[in-house]
PDB file of N, CA and C in Angstrom:
ATOM      1  N   MET A   1     197.449 -57.724 244.647  1.00  0.00           N
ATOM      2  CA  MET A   1     198.834 -57.351 244.804  1.00  0.00           C
ATOM      3  C   MET A   1     198.979 -55.865 244.499  1.00  0.00           C
ATOM      4  N   THR A   2     199.670 -55.159 245.353  1.00  0.00           N
ATOM      5  CA  THR A   2     199.934 -53.751 245.151  1.00  0.00           C
ATOM      6  C   THR A   2     201.357 -53.589 244.659  1.00  0.00           C
ATOM      7  N   THR A   3     201.535 -52.800 243.621  1.00  0.00           N
ATOM      8  CA  THR A   3     202.885 -52.533 243.135  1.00  0.00           C
ATOM      9  C   THR A   3     203.143 -51.047 243.179  1.00  0.00           C
ATOM     10  N   LEU A   4     204.382 -50.693 243.200  1.00  0.00           N
ATOM     11  CA  LEU A   4     204.791 -49.302 243.205  1.00  0.00           C
ATOM     12  C   LEU A   4     205.578 -49.060 241.939  1.00  0.00           C
ATOM     13  N   THR A   5     205.148 -48.088 241.151  1.00  0.00           N
ATOM     14  CA  THR A   5     205.837 -47.776 239.911  1.00  0.00           C
ATOM     15  C   THR A   5     206.519 -46.432 240.067  1.00  0.00           C
ATOM     16  N   THR A   6     207.773 -46.375 239.701  1.00  0.00           N
ATOM     17  CA  THR A   6     208.492 -45.114 239.720  1.00  0.00           C
ATOM     18  C   THR A   6     209.113 -44.903 238.360  1.00  0.00           C
ATOM     19  N   LEU A   7     209.200 -43.664 237.958  1.00  0.00           N
ATOM     20  CA  LEU A   7     209.782 -43.358 236.661  1.00  0.00           C
ATOM     21  C   LEU A   7     211.023 -42.521 236.854  1.00  0.00           C
ATOM     22  N   THR A   8     212.125 -42.980 236.304  1.00  0.00           N
ATOM     23  CA  THR A   8     213.322 -42.154 236.247  1.00  0.00           C
ATOM     24  C   THR A   8     213.362 -41.589 234.837  1.00  0.00           C
ATOM     25  N   THR A   9     214.456 -41.037 234.424  1.00  0.00           N
ATOM     26  CA  THR A   9     214.508 -40.413 233.113  1.00  0.00           C
ATOM     27  C   THR A   9     214.134 -41.361 231.988  1.00  0.00           C
ATOM     28  N   SER A  10     214.519 -42.626 232.075  1.00  0.00           N
ATOM     29  CA  SER A  10     214.188 -43.530 230.984  1.00  0.00           C
ATOM     30  C   SER A  10     213.846 -44.948 231.449  1.00  0.00           C
ATOM     31  N   THR A  11     213.708 -45.170 232.734  1.00  0.00           N
ATOM     32  CA  THR A  11     213.483 -46.511 233.236  1.00  0.00           C
ATOM     33  C   THR A  11     212.277 -46.536 234.158  1.00  0.00           C
ATOM     34  N   THR A  12     211.458 -47.572 234.051  1.00  0.00           N
ATOM     35  CA  THR A  12     210.352 -47.777 234.972  1.00  0.00           C
ATOM     36  C   THR A  12     210.722 -48.909 235.909  1.00  0.00           C
ATOM     37  N   TRP A  13     210.565 -48.683 237.204  1.00  0.00           N
ATOM     38  CA  TRP A  13     210.893 -49.689 238.202  1.00  0.00           C
ATOM     39  C   TRP A  13     209.590 -50.203 238.781  1.00  0.00           C
ATOM     40  N   ARG A  14     209.414 -51.508 238.841  1.00  0.00           N
ATOM     41  CA  ARG A  14     208.235 -52.109 239.457  1.00  0.00           C
ATOM     42  C   ARG A  14     208.688 -52.889 240.688  1.00  0.00           C
ATOM     43  N   LEU A  15     208.123 -52.549 241.828  1.00  0.00           N
ATOM     44  CA  LEU A  15     208.489 -53.206 243.071  1.00  0.00           C
ATOM     45  C   LEU A  15     207.264 -53.928 243.618  1.00  0.00           C
ATOM     46  N   ASP A  16     207.440 -55.174 244.037  1.00  0.00           N
ATOM     47  CA  ASP A  16     206.319 -55.953 244.540  1.00  0.00           C
ATOM     48  C   ASP A  16     205.996 -55.653 245.995  1.00  0.00           C
ATOM     49  N   THR A  17     206.927 -55.151 246.760  1.00  0.00           N
ATOM     50  CA  THR A  17     206.659 -54.827 248.150  1.00  0.00           C
ATOM     51  C   THR A  17     207.159 -53.424 248.429  1.00  0.00           C
ATOM     52  N   LEU A  18     206.524 -52.797 249.388  1.00  0.00           N
ATOM     53  CA  LEU A  18     206.940 -51.453 249.756  1.00  0.00           C
ATOM     54  C   LEU A  18     208.146 -51.473 250.688  1.00  0.00           C
ATOM     55  N   ASP A  19     208.590 -52.661 251.123  1.00  0.00           N
ATOM     56  CA  ASP A  19     209.759 -52.766 251.989  1.00  0.00           C
ATOM     57  C   ASP A  19     211.023 -52.321 251.268  1.00  0.00           C
ATOM     58  N   THR A  20     211.035 -52.380 249.961  1.00  0.00           N
ATOM     59  CA  THR A  20     212.233 -52.021 249.202  1.00  0.00           C
ATOM     60  C   THR A  20     212.262 -50.537 248.848  1.00  0.00           C
ATOM     61  N   LEU A  21     211.351 -49.756 249.421  1.00  0.00           N
ATOM     62  CA  LEU A  21     211.267 -48.333 249.100  1.00  0.00           C
ATOM     63  C   LEU A  21     212.543 -47.587 249.480  1.00  0.00           C
ATOM     64  N   ASP A  22     213.272 -48.022 250.524  1.00  0.00           N
ATOM     65  CA  ASP A  22     214.489 -47.306 250.934  1.00  0.00           C
ATOM     66  C   ASP A  22     215.537 -47.281 249.827  1.00  0.00           C
ATOM     67  N   ILE A  23     215.544 -48.283 248.964  1.00  0.00           N
ATOM     68  CA  ILE A  23     216.498 -48.338 247.860  1.00  0.00           C
ATOM     69  C   ILE A  23     216.292 -47.153 246.921  1.00  0.00           C
ATOM     70  N   LEU A  24     215.058 -46.687 246.811  1.00  0.00           N
ATOM     71  CA  LEU A  24     214.754 -45.610 245.875  1.00  0.00           C
ATOM     72  C   LEU A  24     215.362 -44.278 246.281  1.00  0.00           C
ATOM     73  N   ASP A  25     215.761 -44.140 247.543  1.00  0.00           N
ATOM     74  CA  ASP A  25     216.344 -42.882 247.990  1.00  0.00           C
ATOM     75  C   ASP A  25     217.602 -42.535 247.208  1.00  0.00           C
ATOM     76  N   THR A  26     218.298 -43.522 246.694  1.00  0.00           N
ATOM     77  CA  THR A  26     219.534 -43.264 245.962  1.00  0.00           C
ATOM     78  C   THR A  26     219.300 -43.067 244.470  1.00  0.00           C
ATOM     79  N   LEU A  27     218.080 -43.331 243.986  1.00  0.00           N
ATOM     80  CA  LEU A  27     217.785 -43.194 242.566  1.00  0.00           C
ATOM     81  C   LEU A  27     217.254 -41.799 242.251  1.00  0.00           C
ATOM     82  N   ALA A  28     217.325 -41.409 241.000  1.00  0.00           N
ATOM     83  CA  ALA A  28     216.760 -40.144 240.562  1.00  0.00           C
ATOM     84  C   ALA A  28     215.281 -40.374 240.253  1.00  0.00           C
ATOM     85  N   VAL A  29     214.456 -40.447 241.288  1.00  0.00           N
ATOM     86  CA  VAL A  29     213.048 -40.760 241.125  1.00  0.00           C
ATOM     87  C   VAL A  29     212.304 -39.531 240.639  1.00  0.00           C
ATOM     88  N   THR A  30     211.450 -39.725 239.647  1.00  0.00           N
ATOM     89  CA  THR A  30     210.674 -38.621 239.122  1.00  0.00           C
ATOM     90  C   THR A  30     209.255 -38.617 239.661  1.00  0.00           C
ATOM     91  N   LEU A  31     208.549 -39.732 239.557  1.00  0.00           N
ATOM     92  CA  LEU A  31     207.159 -39.759 239.990  1.00  0.00           C
ATOM     93  C   LEU A  31     206.848 -41.113 240.610  1.00  0.00           C
ATOM     94  N   LEU A  32     206.339 -41.112 241.839  1.00  0.00           N
ATOM     95  CA  LEU A  32     205.986 -42.347 242.527  1.00  0.00           C
ATOM     96  C   LEU A  32     204.501 -42.614 242.340  1.00  0.00           C
ATOM     97  N   ILE A  33     204.167 -43.755 241.773  1.00  0.00           N
ATOM     98  CA  ILE A  33     202.769 -44.118 241.526  1.00  0.00           C
ATOM     99  C   ILE A  33     202.533 -45.491 242.113  1.00  0.00           C
ATOM    100  N   ARG A  34     201.569 -45.581 243.001  1.00  0.00           N
ATOM    101  CA  ARG A  34     201.222 -46.871 243.606  1.00  0.00           C
ATOM    102  C   ARG A  34     200.052 -47.461 242.832  1.00  0.00           C
ATOM    103  N   THR A  35     200.241 -48.669 242.305  1.00  0.00           N
ATOM    104  CA  THR A  35     199.203 -49.341 241.537  1.00  0.00           C
ATOM    105  C   THR A  35     198.316 -50.134 242.495  1.00  0.00           C
ATOM    106  N   LEU A  36     197.011 -49.902 242.410  1.00  0.00           N
ATOM    107  CA  LEU A  36     196.020 -50.565 243.246  1.00  0.00           C
ATOM    108  C   LEU A  36     195.148 -51.463 242.377  1.00  0.00           C
ATOM    109  N   PRO A  37     194.374 -52.366 242.973  1.00  0.00           N
ATOM    110  CA  PRO A  37     193.503 -53.221 242.164  1.00  0.00           C
ATOM    111  C   PRO A  37     192.515 -52.451 241.279  1.00  0.00           C
ATOM    112  N   ARG A  38     192.016 -51.301 241.752  1.00  0.00           N
ATOM    113  CA  ARG A  38     191.033 -50.542 240.977  1.00  0.00           C
ATOM    114  C   ARG A  38     191.630 -49.375 240.196  1.00  0.00           C
ATOM    115  N   GLY A  39     192.878 -49.017 240.461  1.00  0.00           N
ATOM    116  CA  GLY A  39     193.463 -47.862 239.790  1.00  0.00           C
ATOM    117  C   GLY A  39     194.848 -47.544 240.313  1.00  0.00           C
ATOM    118  N   VAL A  40     195.092 -46.247 240.582  1.00  0.00           N
ATOM    119  CA  VAL A  40     196.411 -45.807 241.041  1.00  0.00           C
ATOM    120  C   VAL A  40     196.270 -44.794 242.170  1.00  0.00           C
ATOM    121  N   ARG A  41     197.364 -44.614 242.905  1.00  0.00           N
ATOM    122  CA  ARG A  41     197.439 -43.609 243.968  1.00  0.00           C
ATOM    123  C   ARG A  41     198.793 -42.928 243.854  1.00  0.00           C
ATOM    124  N   PHE A  42     198.810 -41.594 243.937  1.00  0.00           N
ATOM    125  CA  PHE A  42     200.061 -40.853 243.844  1.00  0.00           C
ATOM    126  C   PHE A  42     199.901 -39.499 244.513  1.00  0.00           C
ATOM    127  N   GLU A  43     201.031 -38.836 244.767  1.00  0.00           N
ATOM    128  CA  GLU A  43     201.016 -37.509 245.379  1.00  0.00           C
ATOM    129  C   GLU A  43     200.938 -36.432 244.313  1.00  0.00           C
ATOM    130  N   VAL A  44     200.266 -35.348 244.676  1.00  0.00           N
ATOM    131  CA  VAL A  44     200.144 -34.183 243.803  1.00  0.00           C
ATOM    132  C   VAL A  44     200.543 -32.951 244.610  1.00  0.00           C
ATOM    133  N   ARG A  45     201.376 -32.116 244.040  1.00  0.00           N
ATOM    134  CA  ARG A  45     201.764 -30.844 244.651  1.00  0.00           C
ATOM    135  C   ARG A  45     201.027 -29.741 243.899  1.00  0.00           C
ATOM    136  N   VAL A  46     200.135 -29.039 244.589  1.00  0.00           N
ATOM    137  CA  VAL A  46     199.252 -28.055 243.965  1.00  0.00           C
ATOM    138  C   VAL A  46     199.766 -26.640 244.184  1.00  0.00           C
ATOM    139  N   GLN A  47     199.715 -25.837 243.132  1.00  0.00           N
ATOM    140  CA  GLN A  47     200.000 -24.407 243.230  1.00  0.00           C
ATOM    141  C   GLN A  47     198.708 -23.669 242.881  1.00  0.00           C
ATOM    142  N   PRO A  48     197.966 -23.192 243.888  1.00  0.00           N
ATOM    143  CA  PRO A  48     196.718 -22.477 243.609  1.00  0.00           C
ATOM    144  C   PRO A  48     196.979 -21.056 243.117  1.00  0.00           C
ATOM    145  N   ARG A  49     195.940 -20.442 242.588  1.00  0.00           N
ATOM    146  CA  ARG A  49     195.980 -19.054 242.074  1.00  0.00           C
ATOM    147  C   ARG A  49     197.051 -18.868 241.000  1.00  0.00           C
ATOM    148  N   ALA A  50     197.225 -19.850 240.159  1.00  0.00           N
ATOM    149  CA  ALA A  50     198.170 -19.758 239.047  1.00  0.00           C
ATOM    150  C   ALA A  50     197.483 -19.076 237.862  1.00  0.00           C
ATOM    151  N   SER A  51     198.224 -18.795 236.833  1.00  0.00           N
ATOM    152  CA  SER A  51     197.655 -18.123 235.662  1.00  0.00           C
ATOM    153  C   SER A  51     196.836 -19.053 234.784  1.00  0.00           C
ATOM    154  N   ARG A  52     197.076 -20.387 234.888  1.00  0.00           N
ATOM    155  CA  ARG A  52     196.293 -21.353 234.102  1.00  0.00           C
ATOM    156  C   ARG A  52     196.289 -22.713 234.803  1.00  0.00           C
ATOM    157  N   ASN A  53     195.352 -23.555 234.409  1.00  0.00           N
ATOM    158  CA  ASN A  53     195.280 -24.924 234.910  1.00  0.00           C
ATOM    159  C   ASN A  53     196.157 -25.804 234.037  1.00  0.00           C
ATOM    160  N   GLU A  54     197.165 -26.460 234.661  1.00  0.00           N
ATOM    161  CA  GLU A  54     198.062 -27.302 233.883  1.00  0.00           C
ATOM    162  C   GLU A  54     198.880 -28.224 234.772  1.00  0.00           C
ATOM    163  N   VAL A  55     199.317 -29.322 234.188  1.00  0.00           N
ATOM    164  CA  VAL A  55     200.281 -30.215 234.816  1.00  0.00           C
ATOM    165  C   VAL A  55     201.650 -29.756 234.339  1.00  0.00           C
ATOM    166  N   THR A  56     202.538 -29.442 235.289  1.00  0.00           N
ATOM    167  CA  THR A  56     203.819 -28.854 234.901  1.00  0.00           C
ATOM    168  C   THR A  56     205.008 -29.783 235.064  1.00  0.00           C
ATOM    169  N   GLY A  57     204.818 -30.969 235.611  1.00  0.00           N
ATOM    170  CA  GLY A  57     205.940 -31.886 235.780  1.00  0.00           C
ATOM    171  C   GLY A  57     205.885 -32.569 237.119  1.00  0.00           C
ATOM    172  N   GLU A  58     207.058 -32.711 237.751  1.00  0.00           N
ATOM    173  CA  GLU A  58     207.105 -33.368 239.053  1.00  0.00           C
ATOM    174  C   GLU A  58     207.997 -32.590 240.002  1.00  0.00           C
ATOM    175  N   ARG A  59     207.771 -32.855 241.286  1.00  0.00           N
ATOM    176  CA  ARG A  59     208.604 -32.257 242.319  1.00  0.00           C
ATOM    177  C   ARG A  59     208.658 -33.235 243.480  1.00  0.00           C
ATOM    178  N   GLU A  60     209.846 -33.700 243.802  1.00  0.00           N
ATOM    179  CA  GLU A  60     210.070 -34.589 244.938  1.00  0.00           C
ATOM    180  C   GLU A  60     209.127 -35.791 244.926  1.00  0.00           C
ATOM    181  N   GLY A  61     208.952 -36.411 243.769  1.00  0.00           N
ATOM    182  CA  GLY A  61     208.126 -37.600 243.653  1.00  0.00           C
ATOM    183  C   GLY A  61     206.642 -37.347 243.502  1.00  0.00           C
ATOM    184  N   ALA A  62     206.235 -36.077 243.464  1.00  0.00           N
ATOM    185  CA  ALA A  62     204.817 -35.734 243.330  1.00  0.00           C
ATOM    186  C   ALA A  62     204.569 -35.037 241.998  1.00  0.00           C
ATOM    187  N   LEU A  63     203.394 -35.234 241.454  1.00  0.00           N
ATOM    188  CA  LEU A  63     202.986 -34.558 240.227  1.00  0.00           C
ATOM    189  C   LEU A  63     202.730 -33.085 240.553  1.00  0.00           C
ATOM    190  N   ARG A  64     203.314 -32.164 239.781  1.00  0.00           N
ATOM    191  CA  ARG A  64     203.100 -30.724 240.007  1.00  0.00           C
ATOM    192  C   ARG A  64     201.951 -30.252 239.146  1.00  0.00           C
ATOM    193  N   VAL A  65     200.988 -29.579 239.782  1.00  0.00           N
ATOM    194  CA  VAL A  65     199.800 -29.086 239.096  1.00  0.00           C
ATOM    195  C   VAL A  65     199.578 -27.636 239.481  1.00  0.00           C
ATOM    196  N   ARG A  66     199.352 -26.804 238.477  1.00  0.00           N
ATOM    197  CA  ARG A  66     199.013 -25.389 238.699  1.00  0.00           C
ATOM    198  C   ARG A  66     197.518 -25.223 238.468  1.00  0.00           C
ATOM    199  N   LEU A  67     196.848 -24.490 239.372  1.00  0.00           N
ATOM    200  CA  LEU A  67     195.402 -24.292 239.287  1.00  0.00           C
ATOM    201  C   LEU A  67     195.066 -22.813 239.429  1.00  0.00           C
ATOM    202  N   THR A  68     194.105 -22.346 238.652  1.00  0.00           N
ATOM    203  CA  THR A  68     193.685 -20.948 238.751  1.00  0.00           C
ATOM    204  C   THR A  68     192.824 -20.704 239.976  1.00  0.00           C
ATOM    205  N   ALA A  69     192.194 -21.719 240.507  1.00  0.00           N
ATOM    206  CA  ALA A  69     191.280 -21.572 241.645  1.00  0.00           C
ATOM    207  C   ALA A  69     192.046 -21.231 242.921  1.00  0.00           C
ATOM    208  N   PRO A  70     191.440 -20.427 243.789  1.00  0.00           N
ATOM    209  CA  PRO A  70     192.071 -20.127 245.074  1.00  0.00           C
ATOM    210  C   PRO A  70     191.849 -21.281 246.053  1.00  0.00           C
ATOM    211  N   PRO A  71     192.691 -21.373 247.076  1.00  0.00           N
ATOM    212  CA  PRO A  71     192.529 -22.442 248.059  1.00  0.00           C
ATOM    213  C   PRO A  71     191.476 -22.079 249.117  1.00  0.00           C
ATOM    214  N   VAL A  72     190.295 -21.751 248.670  1.00  0.00           N
ATOM    215  CA  VAL A  72     189.229 -21.299 249.561  1.00  0.00           C
ATOM    216  C   VAL A  72     187.997 -22.175 249.349  1.00  0.00           C
ATOM    217  N   GLU A  73     187.441 -22.681 250.437  1.00  0.00           N
ATOM    218  CA  GLU A  73     186.205 -23.457 250.410  1.00  0.00           C
ATOM    219  C   GLU A  73     186.246 -24.620 249.421  1.00  0.00           C
ATOM    220  N   GLY A  74     187.406 -25.241 249.276  1.00  0.00           N
ATOM    221  CA  GLY A  74     187.521 -26.416 248.418  1.00  0.00           C
ATOM    222  C   GLY A  74     187.566 -26.140 246.926  1.00  0.00           C
ATOM    223  N   ALA A  75     187.675 -24.886 246.521  1.00  0.00           N
ATOM    224  CA  ALA A  75     187.686 -24.549 245.091  1.00  0.00           C
ATOM    225  C   ALA A  75     188.891 -25.157 244.377  1.00  0.00           C
ATOM    226  N   ALA A  76     190.063 -25.111 245.006  1.00  0.00           N
ATOM    227  CA  ALA A  76     191.262 -25.688 244.378  1.00  0.00           C
ATOM    228  C   ALA A  76     191.147 -27.211 244.303  1.00  0.00           C
ATOM    229  N   ASN A  77     190.576 -27.841 245.315  1.00  0.00           N
ATOM    230  CA  ASN A  77     190.388 -29.299 245.286  1.00  0.00           C
ATOM    231  C   ASN A  77     189.439 -29.690 244.157  1.00  0.00           C
ATOM    232  N   ASP A  78     188.351 -28.945 244.003  1.00  0.00           N
ATOM    233  CA  ASP A  78     187.407 -29.216 242.913  1.00  0.00           C
ATOM    234  C   ASP A  78     188.074 -29.044 241.556  1.00  0.00           C
ATOM    235  N   ALA A  79     188.891 -28.000 241.422  1.00  0.00           N
ATOM    236  CA  ALA A  79     189.594 -27.755 240.162  1.00  0.00           C
ATOM    237  C   ALA A  79     190.608 -28.866 239.881  1.00  0.00           C
ATOM    238  N   LEU A  80     191.278 -29.353 240.922  1.00  0.00           N
ATOM    239  CA  LEU A  80     192.232 -30.449 240.759  1.00  0.00           C
ATOM    240  C   LEU A  80     191.532 -31.712 240.272  1.00  0.00           C
ATOM    241  N   ILE A  81     190.412 -32.050 240.890  1.00  0.00           N
ATOM    242  CA  ILE A  81     189.651 -33.238 240.489  1.00  0.00           C
ATOM    243  C   ILE A  81     189.190 -33.107 239.047  1.00  0.00           C
ATOM    244  N   GLU A  82     188.693 -31.937 238.678  1.00  0.00           N
ATOM    245  CA  GLU A  82     188.231 -31.709 237.306  1.00  0.00           C
ATOM    246  C   GLU A  82     189.377 -31.823 236.300  1.00  0.00           C
ATOM    247  N   LEU A  83     190.528 -31.236 236.620  1.00  0.00           N
ATOM    248  CA  LEU A  83     191.680 -31.279 235.717  1.00  0.00           C
ATOM    249  C   LEU A  83     192.184 -32.706 235.524  1.00  0.00           C
ATOM    250  N   LEU A  84     192.340 -33.449 236.622  1.00  0.00           N
ATOM    251  CA  LEU A  84     192.835 -34.824 236.513  1.00  0.00           C
ATOM    252  C   LEU A  84     191.842 -35.722 235.778  1.00  0.00           C
ATOM    253  N   ALA A  85     190.560 -35.552 236.054  1.00  0.00           N
ATOM    254  CA  ALA A  85     189.541 -36.358 235.368  1.00  0.00           C
ATOM    255  C   ALA A  85     189.560 -36.094 233.866  1.00  0.00           C
ATOM    256  N   LYS A  86     189.663 -34.833 233.495  1.00  0.00           N
ATOM    257  CA  LYS A  86     189.686 -34.483 232.071  1.00  0.00           C
ATOM    258  C   LYS A  86     190.963 -35.004 231.395  1.00  0.00           C
ATOM    259  N   ALA A  87     192.105 -34.837 232.054  1.00  0.00           N
ATOM    260  CA  ALA A  87     193.388 -35.257 231.477  1.00  0.00           C
ATOM    261  C   ALA A  87     193.476 -36.770 231.323  1.00  0.00           C
ATOM    262  N   LEU A  88     192.834 -37.515 232.230  1.00  0.00           N
ATOM    263  CA  LEU A  88     192.920 -38.976 232.193  1.00  0.00           C
ATOM    264  C   LEU A  88     191.680 -39.637 231.600  1.00  0.00           C
ATOM    265  N   HIS A  89     190.736 -38.824 231.148  1.00  0.00           N
ATOM    266  CA  HIS A  89     189.521 -39.312 230.490  1.00  0.00           C
ATOM    267  C   HIS A  89     188.712 -40.261 231.382  1.00  0.00           C
ATOM    268  N   VAL A  90     188.512 -39.836 232.625  1.00  0.00           N
ATOM    269  CA  VAL A  90     187.669 -40.587 233.557  1.00  0.00           C
ATOM    270  C   VAL A  90     186.628 -39.631 234.138  1.00  0.00           C
ATOM    271  N   ALA A  91     185.608 -40.193 234.769  1.00  0.00           N
ATOM    272  CA  ALA A  91     184.588 -39.372 235.420  1.00  0.00           C
ATOM    273  C   ALA A  91     185.167 -38.736 236.684  1.00  0.00           C
ATOM    274  N   LYS A  92     184.637 -37.584 237.045  1.00  0.00           N
ATOM    275  CA  LYS A  92     185.113 -36.909 238.257  1.00  0.00           C
ATOM    276  C   LYS A  92     184.908 -37.766 239.498  1.00  0.00           C
ATOM    277  N   ARG A  93     183.875 -38.611 239.499  1.00  0.00           N
ATOM    278  CA  ARG A  93     183.620 -39.477 240.665  1.00  0.00           C
ATOM    279  C   ARG A  93     184.730 -40.520 240.855  1.00  0.00           C
ATOM    280  N   ASP A  94     185.541 -40.767 239.822  1.00  0.00           N
ATOM    281  CA  ASP A  94     186.632 -41.738 239.913  1.00  0.00           C
ATOM    282  C   ASP A  94     187.910 -41.132 240.484  1.00  0.00           C
ATOM    283  N   VAL A  95     187.929 -39.823 240.717  1.00  0.00           N
ATOM    284  CA  VAL A  95     189.099 -39.128 241.248  1.00  0.00           C
ATOM    285  C   VAL A  95     188.787 -38.700 242.684  1.00  0.00           C
ATOM    286  N   ARG A  96     189.613 -39.146 243.625  1.00  0.00           N
ATOM    287  CA  ARG A  96     189.396 -38.825 245.030  1.00  0.00           C
ATOM    288  C   ARG A  96     190.671 -38.300 245.668  1.00  0.00           C
ATOM    289  N   ILE A  97     190.523 -37.313 246.524  1.00  0.00           N
ATOM    290  CA  ILE A  97     191.647 -36.838 247.331  1.00  0.00           C
ATOM    291  C   ILE A  97     191.608 -37.637 248.621  1.00  0.00           C
ATOM    292  N   ILE A  98     192.619 -38.473 248.831  1.00  0.00           N
ATOM    293  CA  ILE A  98     192.665 -39.366 249.980  1.00  0.00           C
ATOM    294  C   ILE A  98     193.168 -38.639 251.223  1.00  0.00           C
ATOM    295  N   SER A  99     194.177 -37.817 251.059  1.00  0.00           N
ATOM    296  CA  SER A  99     194.691 -37.030 252.184  1.00  0.00           C
ATOM    297  C   SER A  99     195.242 -35.708 251.672  1.00  0.00           C
ATOM    298  N   GLY A 100     195.350 -34.748 252.583  1.00  0.00           N
ATOM    299  CA  GLY A 100     195.881 -33.439 252.218  1.00  0.00           C
ATOM    300  C   GLY A 100     194.845 -32.484 251.677  1.00  0.00           C
ATOM    301  N   VAL A 101     193.609 -32.627 252.103  1.00  0.00           N
ATOM    302  CA  VAL A 101     192.522 -31.784 251.589  1.00  0.00           C
ATOM    303  C   VAL A 101     192.827 -30.302 251.815  1.00  0.00           C
ATOM    304  N   THR A 102     193.475 -29.961 252.922  1.00  0.00           N
ATOM    305  CA  THR A 102     193.786 -28.556 253.200  1.00  0.00           C
ATOM    306  C   THR A 102     195.260 -28.222 252.978  1.00  0.00           C
ATOM    307  N   ALA A 103     196.027 -29.157 252.438  1.00  0.00           N
ATOM    308  CA  ALA A 103     197.457 -28.940 252.213  1.00  0.00           C
ATOM    309  C   ALA A 103     197.756 -28.806 250.722  1.00  0.00           C
ATOM    310  N   ARG A 104     198.923 -28.291 250.401  1.00  0.00           N
ATOM    311  CA  ARG A 104     199.329 -28.206 248.995  1.00  0.00           C
ATOM    312  C   ARG A 104     199.740 -29.559 248.438  1.00  0.00           C
ATOM    313  N   THR A 105     200.305 -30.410 249.277  1.00  0.00           N
ATOM    314  CA  THR A 105     200.661 -31.755 248.842  1.00  0.00           C
ATOM    315  C   THR A 105     199.524 -32.693 249.225  1.00  0.00           C
ATOM    316  N   LYS A 106     198.961 -33.362 248.228  1.00  0.00           N
ATOM    317  CA  LYS A 106     197.798 -34.214 248.414  1.00  0.00           C
ATOM    318  C   LYS A 106     198.103 -35.614 247.902  1.00  0.00           C
ATOM    319  N   VAL A 107     197.393 -36.593 248.416  1.00  0.00           N
ATOM    320  CA  VAL A 107     197.442 -37.948 247.889  1.00  0.00           C
ATOM    321  C   VAL A 107     196.131 -38.172 247.156  1.00  0.00           C
ATOM    322  N   VAL A 108     196.234 -38.525 245.879  1.00  0.00           N
ATOM    323  CA  VAL A 108     195.066 -38.688 245.016  1.00  0.00           C
ATOM    324  C   VAL A 108     194.962 -40.144 244.598  1.00  0.00           C
ATOM    325  N   GLU A 109     193.736 -40.653 244.573  1.00  0.00           N
ATOM    326  CA  GLU A 109     193.477 -42.002 244.087  1.00  0.00           C
ATOM    327  C   GLU A 109     192.525 -41.898 242.906  1.00  0.00           C
ATOM    328  N   ILE A 110     192.861 -42.603 241.819  1.00  0.00           N
ATOM    329  CA  ILE A 110     192.048 -42.542 240.602  1.00  0.00           C
ATOM    330  C   ILE A 110     191.728 -43.954 240.156  1.00  0.00           C
ATOM    331  N   ASP A 111     190.447 -44.246 240.004  1.00  0.00           N
ATOM    332  CA  ASP A 111     190.001 -45.561 239.547  1.00  0.00           C
ATOM    333  C   ASP A 111     189.984 -45.613 238.026  1.00  0.00           C
ATOM    334  N   GLY A 112     190.262 -46.793 237.493  1.00  0.00           N
ATOM    335  CA  GLY A 112     190.125 -47.025 236.062  1.00  0.00           C
ATOM    336  C   GLY A 112     191.278 -46.569 235.199  1.00  0.00           C
ATOM    337  N   VAL A 113     192.426 -46.244 235.806  1.00  0.00           N
ATOM    338  CA  VAL A 113     193.602 -45.856 235.018  1.00  0.00           C
ATOM    339  C   VAL A 113     194.811 -46.662 235.483  1.00  0.00           C
ATOM    340  N   THR A 114     195.840 -46.674 234.667  1.00  0.00           N
ATOM    341  CA  THR A 114     197.087 -47.346 235.006  1.00  0.00           C
ATOM    342  C   THR A 114     198.180 -46.300 235.236  1.00  0.00           C
ATOM    343  N   ALA A 115     199.299 -46.758 235.740  1.00  0.00           N
ATOM    344  CA  ALA A 115     200.438 -45.864 235.947  1.00  0.00           C
ATOM    345  C   ALA A 115     200.881 -45.242 234.632  1.00  0.00           C
ATOM    346  N   GLU A 116     200.803 -46.008 233.549  1.00  0.00           N
ATOM    347  CA  GLU A 116     201.208 -45.495 232.235  1.00  0.00           C
ATOM    348  C   GLU A 116     200.326 -44.323 231.802  1.00  0.00           C
ATOM    349  N   HIS A 117     199.020 -44.378 232.132  1.00  0.00           N
ATOM    350  CA  HIS A 117     198.133 -43.260 231.808  1.00  0.00           C
ATOM    351  C   HIS A 117     198.565 -41.990 232.546  1.00  0.00           C
ATOM    352  N   VAL A 118     198.900 -42.145 233.806  1.00  0.00           N
ATOM    353  CA  VAL A 118     199.335 -40.983 234.603  1.00  0.00           C
ATOM    354  C   VAL A 118     200.640 -40.435 234.044  1.00  0.00           C
ATOM    355  N   LEU A 119     201.569 -41.319 233.724  1.00  0.00           N
ATOM    356  CA  LEU A 119     202.857 -40.863 233.201  1.00  0.00           C
ATOM    357  C   LEU A 119     202.710 -40.179 231.850  1.00  0.00           C
ATOM    358  N   SER A 120     201.696 -40.571 231.081  1.00  0.00           N
ATOM    359  CA  SER A 120     201.507 -39.969 229.759  1.00  0.00           C
ATOM    360  C   SER A 120     201.079 -38.509 229.829  1.00  0.00           C
ATOM    361  N   MET A 121     200.530 -38.073 230.959  1.00  0.00           N
ATOM    362  CA  MET A 121     200.099 -36.670 231.042  1.00  0.00           C
ATOM    363  C   MET A 121     201.187 -35.762 231.607  1.00  0.00           C
ATOM    364  N   THR A 122     202.321 -36.326 232.008  1.00  0.00           N
ATOM    365  CA  THR A 122     203.407 -35.491 232.512  1.00  0.00           C
ATOM    366  C   THR A 122     204.245 -34.971 231.362  1.00  0.00           C
ATOM    367  N   PRO A 123     204.642 -33.709 231.403  1.00  0.00           N
ATOM    368  CA  PRO A 123     205.489 -33.160 230.338  1.00  0.00           C
ATOM    369  C   PRO A 123     206.846 -33.853 230.328  1.00  0.00           C
ATOM    370  N   ARG A 124     207.365 -34.108 229.176  1.00  0.00           N
ATOM    371  CA  ARG A 124     208.667 -34.780 229.043  1.00  0.00           C
ATOM    372  C   ARG A 124     209.760 -33.763 228.901  1.00  0.00           C
TER     373      ARG A 124
END
């Protein structure tokens, strides 16, 4: 069973089907996290060539991440994988970029973590 977890300011919503996603358009959604059998999947908005590597919050349902690496030859993607693996205490092989390899907005899948782990690394 796949569930979708969203976090508003103080409430977590768990939806059993993605058909009810249209209802979320009216809510103040902070971060959309899809729970999978092996882990989670969520969007990440990357800002390359930043002054430091850090998770800065959310933007339009995606986790905002600043990276010092430039978006050249996969350097920013490698830095993103390293940052997420370190922040969530998993191996780099458990973090995969599913789509958006050449875009700033990416879909990331991470094995061995829950939605709560991802939410714990976002600044409050």
